[in-house]
Amino acid sequence: MTEKLNIAFIKARWHSDIVDQALVGFKADMDASDVAYEVTAIDVPGAFEMPLLAKKLGESGKYDAIVCAALVVDGGIYRHDFVAQAVVTGLMDAQLATGVPTYSVSLTPHHFQPSQEHMGFYFDHFVKKGAEAASAVRMVAAIDL
């Protein structure tokens, strides 16, 4: 494994108060481990912008892994499930094209409402998903491909 992992963490700004919790969970889990790391957080307007940036960052050779976080909700204007599918497929394509592990912490709830109950649930859930991404980053880094 490399001495220090360099991680890019891309965050979509829609529902940023919730999405940012993925980075909180990621850092907390990484800090609790014995793995040295540096994370570069990069904000993008929405989930749809993540795949191209992930590909460009992967091609740069600067990062050992890329994590992308977004909350894609049904705003009543477009089909959020199509957007989410395009994003996840785009992230997989970026990973396969660059060989840099690229993780998605992108959730697509079917019935998200900006109520206290939903906000609280997803706030906490993104912390957990960020920690899961940290675990995945460490697992792949341990393989040292």
C-alpha atoms as a PDB file:
ATOM      1  CA  MET A   1       0.000   0.000   0.000  1.00  0.00           C
ATOM      2  CA  THR A   2       1.216   3.534  -0.682  1.00  0.00           C
ATOM      3  CA  GLU A   3       2.467   5.636   2.227  1.00  0.00           C
ATOM      4  CA  LYS A   4      -0.450   8.032   2.040  1.00  0.00           C
ATOM      5  CA  LEU A   5      -3.652   7.665   0.043  1.00  0.00           C
ATOM      6  CA  ASN A   6      -4.682  10.679  -2.018  1.00  0.00           C
ATOM      7  CA  ILE A   7      -8.454  10.775  -2.265  1.00  0.00           C
ATOM      8  CA  ALA A   8     -10.646  13.100  -4.330  1.00  0.00           C
ATOM      9  CA  PHE A   9     -14.095  13.599  -2.822  1.00  0.00           C
ATOM     10  CA  ILE A  10     -16.640  15.136  -5.212  1.00  0.00           C
ATOM     11  CA  LYS A  11     -19.805  16.566  -3.617  1.00  0.00           C
ATOM     12  CA  ALA A  12     -22.934  17.710  -5.438  1.00  0.00           C
ATOM     13  CA  ARG A  13     -24.397  20.936  -4.038  1.00  0.00           C
ATOM     14  CA  TRP A  14     -28.094  20.016  -4.221  1.00  0.00           C
ATOM     15  CA  HIS A  15     -29.078  19.365  -0.596  1.00  0.00           C
ATOM     16  CA  SER A  16     -25.490  20.166   0.404  1.00  0.00           C
ATOM     17  CA  ASP A  17     -26.288  20.118   4.126  1.00  0.00           C
ATOM     18  CA  ILE A  18     -27.129  16.425   3.769  1.00  0.00           C
ATOM     19  CA  VAL A  19     -24.572  15.470   1.098  1.00  0.00           C
ATOM     20  CA  ASP A  20     -21.695  17.033   3.067  1.00  0.00           C
ATOM     21  CA  GLN A  21     -22.290  14.466   5.804  1.00  0.00           C
ATOM     22  CA  ALA A  22     -20.796  11.792   3.538  1.00  0.00           C
ATOM     23  CA  LEU A  23     -17.445  13.574   3.796  1.00  0.00           C
ATOM     24  CA  VAL A  24     -17.868  13.863   7.574  1.00  0.00           C
ATOM     25  CA  GLY A  25     -18.454  10.109   7.839  1.00  0.00           C
ATOM     26  CA  PHE A  26     -15.624   9.359   5.413  1.00  0.00           C
ATOM     27  CA  LYS A  27     -13.093  11.416   7.358  1.00  0.00           C
ATOM     28  CA  ALA A  28     -14.212  10.069  10.739  1.00  0.00           C
ATOM     29  CA  ASP A  29     -13.823   6.496   9.546  1.00  0.00           C
ATOM     30  CA  MET A  30     -10.457   7.164   7.911  1.00  0.00           C
ATOM     31  CA  ASP A  31      -9.221   8.993  11.027  1.00  0.00           C
ATOM     32  CA  ALA A  32     -10.172   5.988  13.164  1.00  0.00           C
ATOM     33  CA  SER A  33      -8.006   3.734  10.996  1.00  0.00           C
ATOM     34  CA  ASP A  34      -4.237   3.525  10.776  1.00  0.00           C
ATOM     35  CA  VAL A  35      -4.239   4.533   7.093  1.00  0.00           C
ATOM     36  CA  ALA A  36      -2.607   7.851   6.228  1.00  0.00           C
ATOM     37  CA  TYR A  37      -4.610   9.851   3.742  1.00  0.00           C
ATOM     38  CA  GLU A  38      -5.193  13.271   2.275  1.00  0.00           C
ATOM     39  CA  VAL A  39      -8.590  14.215   0.910  1.00  0.00           C
ATOM     40  CA  THR A  40      -9.322  16.930  -1.605  1.00  0.00           C
ATOM     41  CA  ALA A  41     -12.982  17.969  -1.540  1.00  0.00           C
ATOM     42  CA  ILE A  42     -14.414  19.384  -4.749  1.00  0.00           C
ATOM     43  CA  ASP A  43     -17.913  20.806  -5.085  1.00  0.00           C
ATOM     44  CA  VAL A  44     -19.975  20.509  -8.269  1.00  0.00           C
ATOM     45  CA  PRO A  45     -23.421  21.953  -9.002  1.00  0.00           C
ATOM     46  CA  GLY A  46     -25.237  18.624  -9.183  1.00  0.00           C
ATOM     47  CA  ALA A  47     -24.840  14.880  -9.557  1.00  0.00           C
ATOM     48  CA  PHE A  48     -24.774  15.003 -13.347  1.00  0.00           C
ATOM     49  CA  GLU A  49     -21.428  16.839 -13.277  1.00  0.00           C
ATOM     50  CA  MET A  50     -19.673  14.154 -11.212  1.00  0.00           C
ATOM     51  CA  PRO A  51     -18.756  11.527 -13.858  1.00  0.00           C
ATOM     52  CA  LEU A  52     -16.788  13.850 -16.150  1.00  0.00           C
ATOM     53  CA  LEU A  53     -14.883  15.357 -13.235  1.00  0.00           C
ATOM     54  CA  ALA A  54     -14.220  11.874 -11.814  1.00  0.00           C
ATOM     55  CA  LYS A  55     -12.798  10.820 -15.165  1.00  0.00           C
ATOM     56  CA  LYS A  56     -10.592  13.909 -15.441  1.00  0.00           C
ATOM     57  CA  LEU A  57      -9.333  13.450 -11.868  1.00  0.00           C
ATOM     58  CA  GLY A  58      -8.663   9.770 -12.525  1.00  0.00           C
ATOM     59  CA  GLU A  59      -6.705  10.610 -15.667  1.00  0.00           C
ATOM     60  CA  SER A  60      -4.597  13.127 -13.741  1.00  0.00           C
ATOM     61  CA  GLY A  61      -2.728  10.363 -11.915  1.00  0.00           C
ATOM     62  CA  LYS A  62      -2.914  12.347  -8.660  1.00  0.00           C
ATOM     63  CA  TYR A  63      -5.498  10.238  -6.854  1.00  0.00           C
ATOM     64  CA  ASP A  64      -5.593   6.703  -5.508  1.00  0.00           C
ATOM     65  CA  ALA A  65      -9.382   6.751  -5.284  1.00  0.00           C
ATOM     66  CA  ILE A  66     -12.329   9.022  -6.001  1.00  0.00           C
ATOM     67  CA  VAL A  67     -15.524   9.221  -3.959  1.00  0.00           C
ATOM     68  CA  CYS A  68     -18.622  10.975  -5.291  1.00  0.00           C
ATOM     69  CA  ALA A  69     -21.621  11.987  -3.179  1.00  0.00           C
ATOM     70  CA  ALA A  70     -25.037  13.272  -4.221  1.00  0.00           C
ATOM     71  CA  LEU A  71     -28.680  13.187  -3.229  1.00  0.00           C
ATOM     72  CA  VAL A  72     -30.828  12.953  -6.358  1.00  0.00           C
ATOM     73  CA  VAL A  73     -34.466  13.586  -5.506  1.00  0.00           C
ATOM     74  CA  ASP A  74     -37.678  13.724  -7.460  1.00  0.00           C
ATOM     75  CA  GLY A  75     -38.267  17.430  -7.858  1.00  0.00           C
ATOM     76  CA  GLY A  76     -41.284  16.886 -10.077  1.00  0.00           C
ATOM     77  CA  ILE A  77     -39.527  18.405 -13.085  1.00  0.00           C
ATOM     78  CA  TYR A  78     -37.490  15.516 -14.427  1.00  0.00           C
ATOM     79  CA  ARG A  79     -37.194  11.788 -13.872  1.00  0.00           C
ATOM     80  CA  HIS A  80     -34.643  11.569 -11.084  1.00  0.00           C
ATOM     81  CA  ASP A  81     -34.202   7.850 -11.620  1.00  0.00           C
ATOM     82  CA  PHE A  82     -32.840   8.498 -15.133  1.00  0.00           C
ATOM     83  CA  VAL A  83     -30.409  11.070 -13.768  1.00  0.00           C
ATOM     84  CA  ALA A  84     -29.266   8.706 -11.030  1.00  0.00           C
ATOM     85  CA  GLN A  85     -28.755   5.860 -13.505  1.00  0.00           C
ATOM     86  CA  ALA A  86     -26.753   8.109 -15.835  1.00  0.00           C
ATOM     87  CA  VAL A  87     -24.569   9.238 -12.927  1.00  0.00           C
ATOM     88  CA  VAL A  88     -23.839   5.740 -11.613  1.00  0.00           C
ATOM     89  CA  THR A  89     -23.138   4.454 -15.132  1.00  0.00           C
ATOM     90  CA  GLY A  90     -20.909   7.463 -15.800  1.00  0.00           C
ATOM     91  CA  LEU A  91     -18.947   6.853 -12.606  1.00  0.00           C
ATOM     92  CA  MET A  92     -18.468   3.187 -13.495  1.00  0.00           C
ATOM     93  CA  ASP A  93     -17.332   4.186 -16.987  1.00  0.00           C
ATOM     94  CA  ALA A  94     -14.842   6.683 -15.496  1.00  0.00           C
ATOM     95  CA  GLN A  95     -13.496   4.017 -13.158  1.00  0.00           C
ATOM     96  CA  LEU A  96     -13.072   1.480 -15.952  1.00  0.00           C
ATOM     97  CA  ALA A  97     -11.471   4.030 -18.294  1.00  0.00           C
ATOM     98  CA  THR A  98      -8.927   5.295 -15.764  1.00  0.00           C
ATOM     99  CA  GLY A  99      -8.335   2.295 -13.511  1.00  0.00           C
ATOM    100  CA  VAL A 100      -8.834   4.519 -10.458  1.00  0.00           C
ATOM    101  CA  PRO A 101     -11.381   3.115  -7.976  1.00  0.00           C
ATOM    102  CA  THR A 102     -14.402   5.418  -8.052  1.00  0.00           C
ATOM    103  CA  TYR A 103     -17.104   5.087  -5.411  1.00  0.00           C
ATOM    104  CA  SER A 104     -20.643   6.379  -5.418  1.00  0.00           C
ATOM    105  CA  VAL A 105     -22.336   7.663  -2.293  1.00  0.00           C
ATOM    106  CA  SER A 106     -25.258   8.775  -4.423  1.00  0.00           C
ATOM    107  CA  LEU A 107     -28.708   8.103  -3.073  1.00  0.00           C
ATOM    108  CA  THR A 108     -32.006   8.369  -4.932  1.00  0.00           C
ATOM    109  CA  PRO A 109     -34.926   8.226  -2.525  1.00  0.00           C
ATOM    110  CA  HIS A 110     -38.308   7.756  -4.145  1.00  0.00           C
ATOM    111  CA  HIS A 111     -40.261   9.832  -1.650  1.00  0.00           C
ATOM    112  CA  PHE A 112     -37.914  12.452  -0.253  1.00  0.00           C
ATOM    113  CA  GLN A 113     -39.615  15.454   1.295  1.00  0.00           C
ATOM    114  CA  PRO A 114     -37.808  18.281   3.053  1.00  0.00           C
ATOM    115  CA  SER A 115     -39.479  17.347   6.340  1.00  0.00           C
ATOM    116  CA  GLN A 116     -37.566  17.135   9.613  1.00  0.00           C
ATOM    117  CA  GLU A 117     -37.970  13.348   9.620  1.00  0.00           C
ATOM    118  CA  HIS A 118     -36.585  12.848   6.105  1.00  0.00           C
ATOM    119  CA  MET A 119     -33.841  15.439   6.530  1.00  0.00           C
ATOM    120  CA  GLY A 120     -32.687  13.816   9.769  1.00  0.00           C
ATOM    121  CA  PHE A 121     -32.773  10.313   8.333  1.00  0.00           C
ATOM    122  CA  TYR A 122     -30.713  11.189   5.260  1.00  0.00           C
ATOM    123  CA  PHE A 123     -28.363  13.425   7.255  1.00  0.00           C
ATOM    124  CA  ASP A 124     -27.461  10.412   9.422  1.00  0.00           C
ATOM    125  CA  HIS A 125     -27.536   7.976   6.506  1.00  0.00           C
ATOM    126  CA  PHE A 126     -24.965   9.969   4.527  1.00  0.00           C
ATOM    127  CA  VAL A 127     -22.584   9.811   7.500  1.00  0.00           C
ATOM    128  CA  LYS A 128     -22.909   6.003   7.397  1.00  0.00           C
ATOM    129  CA  LYS A 129     -22.484   5.854   3.626  1.00  0.00           C
ATOM    130  CA  GLY A 130     -19.363   8.024   3.847  1.00  0.00           C
ATOM    131  CA  ALA A 131     -17.906   5.607   6.405  1.00  0.00           C
ATOM    132  CA  GLU A 132     -18.719   2.701   4.085  1.00  0.00           C
ATOM    133  CA  ALA A 133     -16.876   4.468   1.260  1.00  0.00           C
ATOM    134  CA  ALA A 134     -13.826   4.874   3.535  1.00  0.00           C
ATOM    135  CA  SER A 135     -13.895   1.170   4.271  1.00  0.00           C
ATOM    136  CA  ALA A 136     -14.041   0.381   0.558  1.00  0.00           C
ATOM    137  CA  VAL A 137     -11.169   2.764  -0.192  1.00  0.00           C
ATOM    138  CA  ARG A 138      -8.995   1.053   2.444  1.00  0.00           C
ATOM    139  CA  MET A 139      -9.908  -2.411   1.171  1.00  0.00           C
ATOM    140  CA  VAL A 140      -8.910  -1.650  -2.397  1.00  0.00           C
ATOM    141  CA  ALA A 141      -5.782   0.216  -1.265  1.00  0.00           C
ATOM    142  CA  ALA A 142      -4.727  -2.839   0.749  1.00  0.00           C
ATOM    143  CA  ILE A 143      -4.744  -4.901  -2.442  1.00  0.00           C
ATOM    144  CA  ASP A 144      -2.169  -2.448  -3.849  1.00  0.00           C
ATOM    145  CA  LEU A 145      -2.844  -3.177  -7.496  1.00  0.00           C
END
